[in-house]
């Protein structure tokens, strides 16, 4: 059985690095669609998803509001009282699928971790979360490896395209259009985005 899953999420003014191609309401729409894709995957795997959000939003899923938008503090208040294995997965991973999550959960180590691009952390699986603390932002992947070492955890670093690919930059939309199958891919289509081929390099363009 899949463990409980904590999903950090920002409902208002999300994905600011997409501002050059999406208006604020469109960014919120895409972020919501990506969250729904992650939630659907967690439900399919019989996980108990809990969204850790910067503010309440309209959804029947269990929600925890981040105090003063401090994700680290909020998660680190939850971890000591979590007495079973736990998955922490970001809300902007619309390419995640059952096979990639099963690969993480199949680890025989104390912790499995999937790095994001630029030094971030996209997924953490903890067998003993009460012994761990998180430190997101910046080079969080390296920080989490050090925290695991200090806790004397054995660690498996998972190399997964589907979990590595978070949607932050305009060029990331290419991967979503090519490999996406869920609500996020449909959302981009509804917003008029299509693949383009300029000088042999695949990009995206928007049909108005």
N, C-alpha and C. Protein backbone atom coordinates (compact mmCIF):
# COMPACT_ATOMS: atom_id res chain seq x y z
N UNK A 1 0.84 -1.21 0.00
CA UNK A 1 0.00 0.00 0.00
C UNK A 1 0.87 1.25 0.00
N UNK A 2 0.45 2.24 -0.74
CA UNK A 2 1.17 3.50 -0.82
C UNK A 2 1.07 4.24 0.51
N UNK A 3 2.12 4.92 0.94
CA UNK A 3 2.05 5.68 2.19
C UNK A 3 1.22 6.94 2.03
N UNK A 4 0.97 7.62 3.14
CA UNK A 4 0.39 8.95 3.05
C UNK A 4 1.31 9.85 2.24
N UNK A 5 0.73 10.82 1.53
CA UNK A 5 1.52 11.70 0.68
C UNK A 5 1.25 13.15 1.00
N UNK A 6 2.30 13.90 1.34
CA UNK A 6 2.20 15.34 1.53
C UNK A 6 2.55 16.02 0.22
N UNK A 7 1.70 16.99 -0.19
CA UNK A 7 1.88 17.64 -1.48
C UNK A 7 1.89 19.16 -1.28
N UNK A 8 3.05 19.79 -1.26
CA UNK A 8 3.11 21.26 -1.16
C UNK A 8 2.51 21.91 -2.39
N UNK A 9 1.76 23.01 -2.19
CA UNK A 9 1.02 23.62 -3.30
C UNK A 9 0.78 25.10 -3.00
N UNK A 10 0.94 25.92 -4.03
CA UNK A 10 0.70 27.36 -3.93
C UNK A 10 -0.47 27.73 -4.85
N UNK A 11 -1.66 27.98 -4.31
CA UNK A 11 -2.83 28.24 -5.15
C UNK A 11 -2.83 29.62 -5.81
N UNK A 12 -2.27 30.64 -5.13
CA UNK A 12 -2.32 32.01 -5.63
C UNK A 12 -0.95 32.45 -6.13
N UNK A 13 -0.97 33.05 -7.32
CA UNK A 13 0.25 33.55 -7.97
C UNK A 13 1.35 32.50 -8.04
N UNK A 14 1.03 31.31 -8.54
CA UNK A 14 2.04 30.26 -8.65
C UNK A 14 2.85 30.42 -9.93
N UNK A 15 3.94 29.70 -10.01
CA UNK A 15 4.70 29.55 -11.26
C UNK A 15 5.04 30.89 -11.90
N UNK A 16 5.67 31.77 -11.14
CA UNK A 16 5.97 33.12 -11.64
C UNK A 16 6.97 33.09 -12.79
N UNK A 17 7.77 32.03 -12.89
CA UNK A 17 8.73 31.95 -14.00
C UNK A 17 8.05 31.65 -15.33
N UNK A 18 6.75 31.38 -15.28
CA UNK A 18 5.98 31.22 -16.52
C UNK A 18 5.26 32.52 -16.90
N UNK A 19 5.57 33.60 -16.21
CA UNK A 19 4.86 34.86 -16.44
C UNK A 19 5.05 35.41 -17.85
N UNK A 20 6.13 35.03 -18.50
CA UNK A 20 6.37 35.55 -19.85
C UNK A 20 5.43 34.93 -20.89
N UNK A 21 4.79 33.80 -20.55
CA UNK A 21 3.91 33.13 -21.51
C UNK A 21 2.49 32.94 -20.99
N UNK A 22 2.28 33.15 -19.68
CA UNK A 22 0.95 32.93 -19.10
C UNK A 22 0.57 34.08 -18.18
N UNK A 23 -0.70 34.48 -18.27
CA UNK A 23 -1.23 35.49 -17.36
C UNK A 23 -1.45 34.86 -15.98
N UNK A 24 -1.59 35.69 -14.93
CA UNK A 24 -1.75 35.13 -13.58
C UNK A 24 -2.87 34.10 -13.46
N UNK A 25 -4.05 34.38 -14.02
CA UNK A 25 -5.14 33.42 -13.92
C UNK A 25 -4.84 32.14 -14.67
N UNK A 26 -4.09 32.24 -15.76
CA UNK A 26 -3.72 31.06 -16.53
C UNK A 26 -2.70 30.22 -15.76
N UNK A 27 -1.78 30.87 -15.08
CA UNK A 27 -0.82 30.14 -14.26
C UNK A 27 -1.51 29.39 -13.13
N UNK A 28 -2.51 30.03 -12.54
CA UNK A 28 -3.27 29.37 -11.47
C UNK A 28 -4.03 28.17 -12.04
N UNK A 29 -4.58 28.33 -13.24
CA UNK A 29 -5.32 27.23 -13.87
C UNK A 29 -4.39 26.05 -14.15
N UNK A 30 -3.20 26.32 -14.67
CA UNK A 30 -2.25 25.25 -14.97
C UNK A 30 -1.76 24.59 -13.68
N UNK A 31 -1.45 25.39 -12.66
CA UNK A 31 -0.99 24.83 -11.39
C UNK A 31 -2.06 23.93 -10.78
N UNK A 32 -3.31 24.35 -10.86
CA UNK A 32 -4.41 23.54 -10.34
C UNK A 32 -4.53 22.23 -11.11
N UNK A 33 -4.38 22.29 -12.44
CA UNK A 33 -4.46 21.08 -13.25
C UNK A 33 -3.33 20.11 -12.91
N UNK A 34 -2.12 20.65 -12.70
CA UNK A 34 -1.00 19.78 -12.33
C UNK A 34 -1.24 19.12 -10.98
N UNK A 35 -1.76 19.89 -10.03
CA UNK A 35 -2.09 19.31 -8.73
C UNK A 35 -3.10 18.18 -8.89
N UNK A 36 -4.12 18.39 -9.71
CA UNK A 36 -5.14 17.36 -9.90
C UNK A 36 -4.54 16.09 -10.51
N UNK A 37 -3.57 16.26 -11.41
CA UNK A 37 -2.90 15.08 -11.98
C UNK A 37 -2.16 14.30 -10.89
N UNK A 38 -1.47 15.02 -10.00
CA UNK A 38 -0.73 14.36 -8.92
C UNK A 38 -1.71 13.71 -7.94
N UNK A 39 -2.79 14.41 -7.61
CA UNK A 39 -3.80 13.85 -6.71
C UNK A 39 -4.42 12.59 -7.28
N UNK A 40 -4.74 12.61 -8.57
CA UNK A 40 -5.34 11.45 -9.21
C UNK A 40 -4.40 10.25 -9.14
N UNK A 41 -3.12 10.50 -9.37
CA UNK A 41 -2.13 9.42 -9.29
C UNK A 41 -2.07 8.85 -7.88
N UNK A 42 -2.05 9.73 -6.87
CA UNK A 42 -1.99 9.26 -5.49
C UNK A 42 -3.22 8.42 -5.14
N UNK A 43 -4.38 8.84 -5.60
CA UNK A 43 -5.60 8.08 -5.32
C UNK A 43 -5.57 6.72 -6.02
N UNK A 44 -5.08 6.69 -7.25
CA UNK A 44 -5.00 5.43 -7.99
C UNK A 44 -4.09 4.43 -7.28
N UNK A 45 -3.11 4.96 -6.56
CA UNK A 45 -2.16 4.10 -5.87
C UNK A 45 -2.57 3.86 -4.42
N UNK A 46 -3.81 4.29 -4.08
CA UNK A 46 -4.36 4.10 -2.73
C UNK A 46 -3.56 4.84 -1.67
N UNK A 47 -3.00 5.97 -2.05
CA UNK A 47 -2.36 6.85 -1.09
C UNK A 47 -3.41 7.73 -0.43
N UNK A 48 -3.04 8.32 0.69
CA UNK A 48 -3.87 9.32 1.35
C UNK A 48 -3.20 10.67 1.12
N UNK A 49 -3.66 11.44 0.11
CA UNK A 49 -3.01 12.71 -0.18
C UNK A 49 -3.45 13.81 0.78
N UNK A 50 -2.48 14.58 1.24
CA UNK A 50 -2.73 15.75 2.08
C UNK A 50 -2.00 16.92 1.43
N UNK A 51 -2.75 17.94 1.04
CA UNK A 51 -2.15 19.10 0.38
C UNK A 51 -1.73 20.12 1.43
N UNK A 52 -0.47 20.50 1.38
CA UNK A 52 0.08 21.52 2.28
C UNK A 52 0.15 22.81 1.47
N UNK A 53 -0.86 23.67 1.63
CA UNK A 53 -1.05 24.82 0.76
C UNK A 53 -0.79 26.14 1.48
N UNK A 54 -0.43 27.16 0.70
CA UNK A 54 -0.17 28.48 1.27
C UNK A 54 -1.44 29.16 1.73
N UNK A 55 -2.59 28.67 1.28
CA UNK A 55 -3.88 29.16 1.74
C UNK A 55 -4.95 28.15 1.33
N UNK A 56 -6.11 28.22 1.97
CA UNK A 56 -7.19 27.31 1.62
C UNK A 56 -7.65 27.56 0.19
N UNK A 57 -8.06 26.50 -0.50
CA UNK A 57 -8.58 26.62 -1.86
C UNK A 57 -9.71 25.63 -2.02
N UNK A 58 -10.48 25.78 -3.08
CA UNK A 58 -11.67 24.96 -3.27
C UNK A 58 -11.30 23.56 -3.76
N UNK A 59 -11.35 22.62 -2.85
CA UNK A 59 -11.08 21.22 -3.17
C UNK A 59 -11.44 20.40 -1.94
N UNK A 60 -12.00 19.24 -2.14
CA UNK A 60 -12.41 18.42 -1.01
C UNK A 60 -11.27 17.61 -0.41
N UNK A 61 -10.08 17.72 -0.98
CA UNK A 61 -8.94 16.99 -0.45
C UNK A 61 -8.57 17.53 0.93
N UNK A 62 -7.96 16.68 1.75
CA UNK A 62 -7.49 17.13 3.07
C UNK A 62 -6.42 18.19 2.87
N UNK A 63 -6.55 19.31 3.59
CA UNK A 63 -5.63 20.42 3.42
C UNK A 63 -5.01 20.84 4.75
N UNK A 64 -3.76 21.23 4.68
CA UNK A 64 -3.07 21.87 5.79
C UNK A 64 -2.58 23.22 5.28
N UNK A 65 -2.89 24.29 6.00
CA UNK A 65 -2.47 25.61 5.56
C UNK A 65 -1.08 25.92 6.11
N UNK A 66 -0.20 26.35 5.21
CA UNK A 66 1.17 26.68 5.60
C UNK A 66 1.16 27.97 6.41
N UNK A 67 1.67 27.92 7.62
CA UNK A 67 1.72 29.10 8.48
C UNK A 67 2.72 30.10 7.95
N UNK A 68 2.22 31.30 7.63
CA UNK A 68 3.09 32.39 7.15
C UNK A 68 3.90 31.97 5.93
N UNK A 69 3.32 31.10 5.11
CA UNK A 69 3.96 30.63 3.88
C UNK A 69 5.32 29.98 4.15
N UNK A 70 5.53 29.43 5.34
CA UNK A 70 6.79 28.78 5.69
C UNK A 70 6.64 27.27 5.54
N UNK A 71 6.95 26.78 4.36
CA UNK A 71 6.78 25.36 4.06
C UNK A 71 7.64 24.50 4.98
N UNK A 72 8.90 24.88 5.16
CA UNK A 72 9.79 24.07 5.97
C UNK A 72 9.27 23.93 7.40
N UNK A 73 8.87 25.04 7.99
CA UNK A 73 8.39 25.00 9.37
C UNK A 73 7.15 24.11 9.49
N UNK A 74 6.23 24.25 8.54
CA UNK A 74 5.00 23.46 8.59
C UNK A 74 5.29 21.96 8.46
N UNK A 75 6.09 21.59 7.48
CA UNK A 75 6.42 20.17 7.30
C UNK A 75 7.20 19.63 8.50
N UNK A 76 8.08 20.43 9.05
CA UNK A 76 8.89 19.97 10.17
C UNK A 76 8.10 19.87 11.47
N UNK A 77 6.91 20.48 11.48
CA UNK A 77 6.00 20.27 12.61
C UNK A 77 5.19 18.99 12.45
N UNK A 78 5.01 18.57 11.18
CA UNK A 78 4.25 17.35 10.89
C UNK A 78 5.11 16.10 11.07
N UNK A 79 6.35 16.15 10.61
CA UNK A 79 7.19 14.95 10.56
C UNK A 79 7.38 14.25 11.90
N UNK A 80 7.62 14.96 13.00
CA UNK A 80 7.86 14.24 14.27
C UNK A 80 6.68 13.39 14.74
N UNK A 81 5.47 13.74 14.31
CA UNK A 81 4.28 13.00 14.74
C UNK A 81 3.83 11.97 13.71
N UNK A 82 4.61 11.79 12.65
CA UNK A 82 4.26 10.85 11.60
C UNK A 82 4.94 9.52 11.87
N UNK A 83 4.18 8.55 12.33
CA UNK A 83 4.74 7.29 12.79
C UNK A 83 4.61 6.16 11.78
N UNK A 84 4.59 6.51 10.52
CA UNK A 84 4.60 5.50 9.46
C UNK A 84 5.32 6.10 8.26
N UNK A 85 5.60 5.28 7.26
CA UNK A 85 6.33 5.80 6.11
C UNK A 85 5.55 6.91 5.42
N UNK A 86 6.27 7.77 4.72
CA UNK A 86 5.68 9.00 4.19
C UNK A 86 6.32 9.37 2.86
N UNK A 87 5.48 9.87 1.95
CA UNK A 87 5.94 10.38 0.67
C UNK A 87 5.69 11.89 0.63
N UNK A 88 6.69 12.65 0.23
CA UNK A 88 6.52 14.09 -0.01
C UNK A 88 6.77 14.31 -1.49
N UNK A 89 5.76 14.79 -2.20
CA UNK A 89 5.85 14.95 -3.65
C UNK A 89 5.34 16.34 -4.05
N UNK A 90 6.07 17.01 -4.91
CA UNK A 90 5.68 18.34 -5.35
C UNK A 90 4.44 18.29 -6.25
N UNK A 91 3.71 19.39 -6.29
CA UNK A 91 2.45 19.45 -7.03
C UNK A 91 2.65 19.75 -8.51
N UNK A 92 3.89 20.02 -8.94
CA UNK A 92 4.13 20.40 -10.33
C UNK A 92 4.83 19.30 -11.11
N UNK A 93 4.41 18.05 -10.85
CA UNK A 93 5.00 16.89 -11.53
C UNK A 93 3.93 16.15 -12.33
N UNK A 94 3.39 16.78 -13.37
CA UNK A 94 2.27 16.16 -14.10
C UNK A 94 2.66 14.95 -14.93
N UNK A 95 3.95 14.69 -15.09
CA UNK A 95 4.37 13.51 -15.85
C UNK A 95 4.56 12.29 -14.94
N UNK A 96 4.43 12.48 -13.64
CA UNK A 96 4.58 11.35 -12.71
C UNK A 96 3.57 10.27 -13.04
N UNK A 97 4.00 9.02 -12.94
CA UNK A 97 3.09 7.90 -13.20
C UNK A 97 3.30 6.81 -12.15
N UNK A 98 2.47 5.80 -12.20
CA UNK A 98 2.51 4.74 -11.20
C UNK A 98 3.86 4.03 -11.18
N UNK A 99 4.43 3.80 -12.36
CA UNK A 99 5.70 3.08 -12.42
C UNK A 99 6.81 3.86 -11.73
N UNK A 100 6.83 5.17 -11.94
CA UNK A 100 7.89 5.97 -11.33
C UNK A 100 7.74 6.05 -9.82
N UNK A 101 6.50 6.15 -9.33
CA UNK A 101 6.28 6.18 -7.89
C UNK A 101 6.58 4.82 -7.27
N UNK A 102 6.18 3.74 -7.92
CA UNK A 102 6.48 2.41 -7.41
C UNK A 102 7.99 2.19 -7.30
N UNK A 103 8.72 2.76 -8.24
CA UNK A 103 10.18 2.64 -8.19
C UNK A 103 10.74 3.30 -6.94
N UNK A 104 10.19 4.46 -6.58
CA UNK A 104 10.62 5.16 -5.36
C UNK A 104 10.28 4.32 -4.13
N UNK A 105 9.05 3.82 -4.08
CA UNK A 105 8.58 3.09 -2.90
C UNK A 105 9.25 1.73 -2.75
N UNK A 106 9.84 1.24 -3.83
CA UNK A 106 10.48 -0.08 -3.80
C UNK A 106 11.88 -0.05 -3.20
N UNK A 107 12.36 1.12 -2.84
CA UNK A 107 13.72 1.22 -2.30
C UNK A 107 13.88 0.34 -1.05
N UNK A 108 15.07 -0.19 -0.88
CA UNK A 108 15.37 -0.93 0.35
C UNK A 108 16.17 -0.07 1.32
N UNK A 109 16.26 1.23 1.01
CA UNK A 109 16.99 2.17 1.86
C UNK A 109 16.04 2.86 2.83
N UNK A 110 16.61 3.60 3.77
CA UNK A 110 15.80 4.37 4.71
C UNK A 110 15.08 5.52 4.02
N UNK A 111 15.68 6.02 2.96
CA UNK A 111 15.12 7.17 2.24
C UNK A 111 15.41 7.05 0.76
N UNK A 112 14.42 7.42 -0.06
CA UNK A 112 14.63 7.58 -1.50
C UNK A 112 14.36 9.04 -1.84
N UNK A 113 15.15 9.60 -2.73
CA UNK A 113 15.01 11.01 -3.07
C UNK A 113 15.18 11.19 -4.57
N UNK A 114 14.36 12.07 -5.14
CA UNK A 114 14.44 12.39 -6.56
C UNK A 114 14.80 13.86 -6.69
N UNK A 115 15.97 14.18 -7.24
CA UNK A 115 16.34 15.58 -7.39
C UNK A 115 15.56 16.25 -8.51
N UNK A 116 15.35 17.55 -8.35
CA UNK A 116 14.81 18.36 -9.44
C UNK A 116 15.95 19.08 -10.13
N UNK A 117 15.65 19.73 -11.22
CA UNK A 117 16.68 20.49 -11.90
C UNK A 117 17.07 21.70 -11.08
N UNK A 118 18.34 22.09 -11.18
CA UNK A 118 18.80 23.27 -10.47
C UNK A 118 19.02 23.05 -8.99
N UNK A 119 19.11 21.80 -8.56
CA UNK A 119 19.44 21.52 -7.17
C UNK A 119 18.26 21.36 -6.24
N UNK A 120 17.04 21.37 -6.77
CA UNK A 120 15.86 21.23 -5.94
C UNK A 120 15.57 19.77 -5.60
N UNK A 121 14.46 19.57 -4.89
CA UNK A 121 14.03 18.22 -4.50
C UNK A 121 12.58 18.03 -4.90
N UNK A 122 12.32 17.03 -5.73
CA UNK A 122 10.96 16.80 -6.22
C UNK A 122 10.18 15.77 -5.42
N UNK A 123 10.86 14.73 -4.95
CA UNK A 123 10.19 13.66 -4.22
C UNK A 123 11.11 13.15 -3.12
N UNK A 124 10.54 12.92 -1.95
CA UNK A 124 11.25 12.25 -0.85
C UNK A 124 10.34 11.16 -0.30
N UNK A 125 10.90 9.96 -0.14
CA UNK A 125 10.19 8.88 0.54
C UNK A 125 10.97 8.52 1.79
N UNK A 126 10.27 8.51 2.93
CA UNK A 126 10.91 8.29 4.22
C UNK A 126 10.26 7.11 4.94
N UNK A 127 11.06 6.17 5.38
CA UNK A 127 10.54 5.06 6.17
C UNK A 127 10.32 5.48 7.62
N UNK A 128 11.16 6.40 8.09
CA UNK A 128 11.04 6.89 9.46
C UNK A 128 11.04 8.42 9.47
N UNK A 129 9.95 9.02 9.01
CA UNK A 129 9.91 10.48 8.85
C UNK A 129 10.11 11.25 10.15
N UNK A 130 9.80 10.63 11.27
CA UNK A 130 9.95 11.32 12.55
C UNK A 130 11.41 11.61 12.90
N UNK A 131 12.33 10.99 12.18
CA UNK A 131 13.76 11.22 12.41
C UNK A 131 14.35 12.22 11.42
N UNK A 132 13.51 12.78 10.55
CA UNK A 132 13.99 13.62 9.46
C UNK A 132 13.43 15.03 9.58
N UNK A 133 14.05 15.97 8.93
CA UNK A 133 13.51 17.33 8.77
C UNK A 133 13.81 17.78 7.35
N UNK A 134 12.99 18.65 6.83
CA UNK A 134 13.19 19.13 5.47
C UNK A 134 13.81 20.52 5.47
N UNK A 135 14.41 20.85 4.34
CA UNK A 135 14.99 22.18 4.16
C UNK A 135 14.92 22.53 2.68
N UNK A 136 13.72 22.94 2.25
CA UNK A 136 13.50 23.27 0.85
C UNK A 136 14.04 24.67 0.53
N UNK A 137 14.01 24.98 -0.76
CA UNK A 137 14.51 26.23 -1.34
C UNK A 137 16.03 26.14 -1.53
N UNK A 138 16.50 26.80 -2.57
CA UNK A 138 17.93 26.74 -2.87
C UNK A 138 18.33 25.34 -3.28
N UNK A 139 19.55 24.96 -2.92
CA UNK A 139 20.08 23.63 -3.26
C UNK A 139 19.56 22.60 -2.26
N UNK A 140 18.25 22.40 -2.25
CA UNK A 140 17.63 21.55 -1.22
C UNK A 140 18.04 20.09 -1.36
N UNK A 141 18.35 19.64 -2.57
CA UNK A 141 18.76 18.25 -2.75
C UNK A 141 20.01 17.95 -1.92
N UNK A 142 21.01 18.82 -2.00
CA UNK A 142 22.24 18.62 -1.23
C UNK A 142 21.97 18.76 0.26
N UNK A 143 21.09 19.68 0.63
CA UNK A 143 20.74 19.85 2.04
C UNK A 143 20.08 18.58 2.58
N UNK A 144 19.19 18.00 1.79
CA UNK A 144 18.49 16.80 2.24
C UNK A 144 19.42 15.59 2.34
N UNK A 145 20.40 15.52 1.46
CA UNK A 145 21.39 14.45 1.57
C UNK A 145 22.19 14.60 2.86
N UNK A 146 22.54 15.83 3.22
CA UNK A 146 23.30 16.06 4.44
C UNK A 146 22.46 15.74 5.67
N UNK A 147 21.18 16.14 5.64
CA UNK A 147 20.29 15.83 6.76
C UNK A 147 20.16 14.32 6.93
N UNK A 148 20.05 13.61 5.81
CA UNK A 148 19.95 12.15 5.87
C UNK A 148 21.23 11.54 6.43
N UNK A 149 22.37 12.08 6.03
CA UNK A 149 23.64 11.58 6.56
C UNK A 149 23.73 11.81 8.07
N UNK A 150 23.31 13.00 8.50
CA UNK A 150 23.34 13.31 9.93
C UNK A 150 22.43 12.36 10.72
N UNK A 151 21.32 11.96 10.09
CA UNK A 151 20.37 11.03 10.74
C UNK A 151 20.79 9.57 10.58
N UNK A 152 21.92 9.37 9.87
CA UNK A 152 22.44 8.02 9.61
C UNK A 152 21.47 7.18 8.79
N UNK A 153 20.80 7.84 7.85
CA UNK A 153 19.91 7.15 6.93
C UNK A 153 20.72 6.59 5.76
N UNK A 154 20.35 5.41 5.31
CA UNK A 154 20.80 4.96 4.00
C UNK A 154 19.89 5.60 2.96
N UNK A 155 20.47 5.98 1.81
CA UNK A 155 19.75 6.78 0.84
C UNK A 155 19.90 6.21 -0.57
N UNK A 156 18.79 6.19 -1.30
CA UNK A 156 18.84 5.87 -2.73
C UNK A 156 18.41 7.10 -3.51
N UNK A 157 19.26 7.54 -4.42
CA UNK A 157 18.93 8.65 -5.32
C UNK A 157 18.30 8.06 -6.57
N UNK A 158 17.08 8.44 -6.86
CA UNK A 158 16.33 7.89 -7.98
C UNK A 158 16.48 8.79 -9.21
N UNK A 159 16.93 8.19 -10.31
CA UNK A 159 17.04 8.91 -11.58
C UNK A 159 15.80 8.60 -12.41
N UNK A 160 14.85 9.56 -12.45
CA UNK A 160 13.58 9.32 -13.13
C UNK A 160 13.19 10.54 -13.94
N UNK A 161 13.08 10.38 -15.25
CA UNK A 161 12.67 11.49 -16.10
C UNK A 161 11.32 12.04 -15.68
N UNK A 162 10.38 11.17 -15.40
CA UNK A 162 9.02 11.61 -15.11
C UNK A 162 8.91 12.34 -13.77
N UNK A 163 9.76 12.00 -12.82
CA UNK A 163 9.73 12.69 -11.54
C UNK A 163 10.73 13.84 -11.49
N UNK A 164 11.68 13.84 -12.38
CA UNK A 164 12.66 14.91 -12.47
C UNK A 164 12.08 16.15 -13.15
N UNK A 165 11.08 15.92 -14.01
CA UNK A 165 10.55 16.98 -14.86
C UNK A 165 9.45 17.76 -14.14
N UNK A 166 9.84 18.82 -13.45
CA UNK A 166 8.86 19.74 -12.89
C UNK A 166 8.63 20.86 -13.91
N UNK A 167 7.46 21.49 -13.83
CA UNK A 167 7.09 22.49 -14.83
C UNK A 167 7.25 23.87 -14.21
N UNK A 168 8.38 24.50 -14.51
CA UNK A 168 8.71 25.81 -13.93
C UNK A 168 8.98 26.87 -14.99
N UNK A 169 9.65 26.48 -16.06
CA UNK A 169 10.10 27.41 -17.09
C UNK A 169 9.30 27.20 -18.38
N UNK A 170 9.24 28.24 -19.25
CA UNK A 170 8.52 28.08 -20.53
C UNK A 170 8.97 26.88 -21.34
N UNK A 171 10.28 26.58 -21.32
CA UNK A 171 10.76 25.45 -22.11
C UNK A 171 10.28 24.11 -21.57
N UNK A 172 9.87 24.08 -20.30
CA UNK A 172 9.35 22.84 -19.72
C UNK A 172 8.01 22.44 -20.34
N UNK A 173 7.32 23.41 -20.92
CA UNK A 173 6.03 23.11 -21.53
C UNK A 173 6.16 22.15 -22.70
N UNK A 174 7.35 22.12 -23.31
CA UNK A 174 7.60 21.17 -24.40
C UNK A 174 7.41 19.74 -23.89
N UNK A 175 8.02 19.44 -22.75
CA UNK A 175 7.93 18.08 -22.21
C UNK A 175 6.49 17.71 -21.86
N UNK A 176 5.75 18.69 -21.34
CA UNK A 176 4.36 18.42 -20.98
C UNK A 176 3.52 18.15 -22.23
N UNK A 177 3.75 18.90 -23.29
CA UNK A 177 3.00 18.68 -24.53
C UNK A 177 3.35 17.34 -25.17
N UNK A 178 4.61 16.92 -25.06
CA UNK A 178 5.04 15.67 -25.68
C UNK A 178 4.62 14.45 -24.85
N UNK A 179 4.85 14.53 -23.54
CA UNK A 179 4.72 13.34 -22.69
C UNK A 179 3.48 13.34 -21.79
N UNK A 180 2.82 14.48 -21.67
CA UNK A 180 1.67 14.56 -20.78
C UNK A 180 0.44 13.88 -21.34
N UNK A 181 -0.41 13.37 -20.44
CA UNK A 181 -1.65 12.71 -20.86
C UNK A 181 -2.85 13.14 -20.03
N UNK A 182 -2.61 13.91 -18.96
CA UNK A 182 -3.68 14.23 -18.03
C UNK A 182 -4.28 15.61 -18.21
N UNK A 183 -4.80 16.14 -17.12
CA UNK A 183 -5.47 17.44 -17.15
C UNK A 183 -4.50 18.57 -17.51
N UNK A 184 -3.26 18.45 -17.09
CA UNK A 184 -2.29 19.50 -17.37
C UNK A 184 -2.04 19.64 -18.87
N UNK A 185 -1.91 18.51 -19.53
CA UNK A 185 -1.71 18.52 -21.00
C UNK A 185 -2.94 19.11 -21.68
N UNK A 186 -4.13 18.75 -21.21
CA UNK A 186 -5.36 19.29 -21.77
C UNK A 186 -5.47 20.78 -21.52
N UNK A 187 -5.02 21.22 -20.35
CA UNK A 187 -5.06 22.64 -20.01
C UNK A 187 -4.21 23.45 -20.98
N UNK A 188 -3.02 22.96 -21.27
CA UNK A 188 -2.16 23.67 -22.23
C UNK A 188 -2.82 23.75 -23.60
N UNK A 189 -3.44 22.66 -24.01
CA UNK A 189 -4.15 22.67 -25.28
C UNK A 189 -5.28 23.68 -25.29
N UNK A 190 -6.04 23.75 -24.20
CA UNK A 190 -7.13 24.71 -24.10
C UNK A 190 -6.62 26.15 -24.15
N UNK A 191 -5.40 26.36 -23.66
CA UNK A 191 -4.81 27.70 -23.67
C UNK A 191 -4.15 28.03 -25.01
N UNK A 192 -4.19 27.09 -25.94
CA UNK A 192 -3.71 27.36 -27.29
C UNK A 192 -2.27 26.99 -27.57
N UNK A 193 -1.64 26.24 -26.67
CA UNK A 193 -0.23 25.90 -26.87
C UNK A 193 -0.09 24.65 -27.74
N UNK A 194 0.84 24.73 -28.69
CA UNK A 194 1.15 23.60 -29.56
C UNK A 194 2.67 23.53 -29.72
N UNK A 195 3.14 22.38 -30.16
CA UNK A 195 4.57 22.23 -30.43
C UNK A 195 4.95 22.99 -31.69
N UNK A 196 6.16 23.51 -31.72
CA UNK A 196 6.68 24.17 -32.90
C UNK A 196 8.06 23.60 -33.21
N UNK A 197 8.47 23.73 -34.45
CA UNK A 197 9.78 23.23 -34.86
C UNK A 197 10.50 24.36 -35.57
N UNK A 198 11.44 24.97 -34.87
CA UNK A 198 12.19 26.09 -35.43
C UNK A 198 13.66 25.69 -35.56
N UNK A 199 14.12 25.62 -36.81
CA UNK A 199 15.51 25.28 -37.09
C UNK A 199 15.90 23.94 -36.46
N UNK A 200 14.96 23.00 -36.51
CA UNK A 200 15.24 21.66 -36.03
C UNK A 200 15.14 21.47 -34.53
N UNK A 201 14.76 22.53 -33.80
CA UNK A 201 14.64 22.43 -32.34
C UNK A 201 13.18 22.58 -31.96
N UNK A 202 12.69 21.63 -31.12
CA UNK A 202 11.29 21.64 -30.73
C UNK A 202 11.06 22.70 -29.66
N UNK A 203 10.01 23.49 -29.86
CA UNK A 203 9.60 24.49 -28.88
C UNK A 203 8.10 24.51 -28.78
N UNK A 204 7.57 25.56 -28.18
CA UNK A 204 6.13 25.72 -28.11
C UNK A 204 5.76 27.08 -28.68
N UNK A 205 4.56 27.13 -29.23
CA UNK A 205 4.00 28.39 -29.64
C UNK A 205 2.54 28.41 -29.26
N UNK A 206 1.98 29.61 -29.24
CA UNK A 206 0.60 29.75 -28.81
C UNK A 206 -0.26 30.29 -29.93
N UNK A 207 -1.32 29.57 -30.22
CA UNK A 207 -2.25 30.02 -31.24
C UNK A 207 -3.31 30.87 -30.60
N UNK A 208 -3.44 32.07 -31.04
CA UNK A 208 -4.42 33.00 -30.46
C UNK A 208 -5.75 32.91 -31.24
